[in-house]
Amino acid sequence: MRQIIIVGILLIACFYFLFSFSNRQVQENRPPEIRITAPLPNSTFKWNSILPYEIQVSDFEDGNSEYDEINPNEVLLIVQYLRDSSELKPYLKLKSNTNYETLIQMGSSTCFNCHRAKGKLIGPSFTDIAAKYDRDPKTIELLAKKIMTGSSSVWGDEKMPPHPDLMAGQVRELVRWILENNSDSNRDYLAGLRGSIKTREKIEDKEKGILVMTAIYRDHGSDNQGQSSIQAQNTLILKKH
C-alpha cells in the first residue's frame, strides 16, 4: 500500500512538472523577425540618387507586415554613411552597444507622423530642432512642456497638438535624444515599412562610400502578464557603385 502511495505521489509530481513546463512554453514570448527586402544584399548605391527600401516584419503574437498587422511607425530604419571600409568595424561595434529605447518609444508614439529626422514633414525636422536649441536642462524642460501641452507659431503656422498621454520623464528623454542624435549629417532615421533614401553627394574624389542600413522592430510581448518585449534587427551594408 505504501509503495502505491509513493508511486501515486511521484506520478502527480511528474504531471505537475510537465504541466508547469508546458504552461511556461505557451506563455513565452517568441522573438520577432525583421528583414530588409529591398535593396537586395550585395547591392550598390550611387551618389546623389534615390534608393528605395522595403522592410518585412513577422511576429507570432503581433502579426505580419504583409497583412498590415504591424504598425509601420514602429518599424525603424537607421541609415549611416561611412567614408570607407576602415570605418565599418568601429561603427558596427558602436551600434551593437547602442540603446535605441528612446527611438523605439518615438516610433510607438505619434512623433513620426509629423516629423522626420531630415527634411520638413508637417513639423520641423529633428535636425532643424537640434540646430536651433541648446542641450541644457532648462531648454530640455521647456521643449518637453511644449510637447505635452502643445504649441503654435514656433515653426510657422502649423500647431503642435498636446500629448497629455506621455509621461514627463519620457518626454524629457525624447527631447534629449533629438538634441543629441540629430547633428550628424551622415546619419538618418526613418520610420515605416517602405520608403526611399536620398543618398548624399560625393565630397572627395577618393571617397569610396558605404551605406549601413539597420532595421529595428520591438514586439509587444505575449498576451500573458509579465512578459517583456523582444527587439530584433537586421543590417544591410551597401557599397558605392
Foldseek 3Di string as FASTA:
>chain_A
DVVVVVVVVVVVVVVVVVVVVVVVVVQAFDAKDKDWPPPDFAAAAAAQDKGKTFMWIAGPAQGTVVVVSDQQLLKKKKKFKDQDPVVVVVVVVVVVPDDCVLVNVCSVDCNQVAEWLDDGRNHYHLLVVLVPDDLDPVRLLVVLVCQQCWDAPPGPGDTRHHDVVDDSVSSSVNNNCSNPPRNDPRMTMDTGRIDIDGHHHDDDPPGWMKMKMKIKHWDPHHPDPPGHIHMDMDIHMHTHD
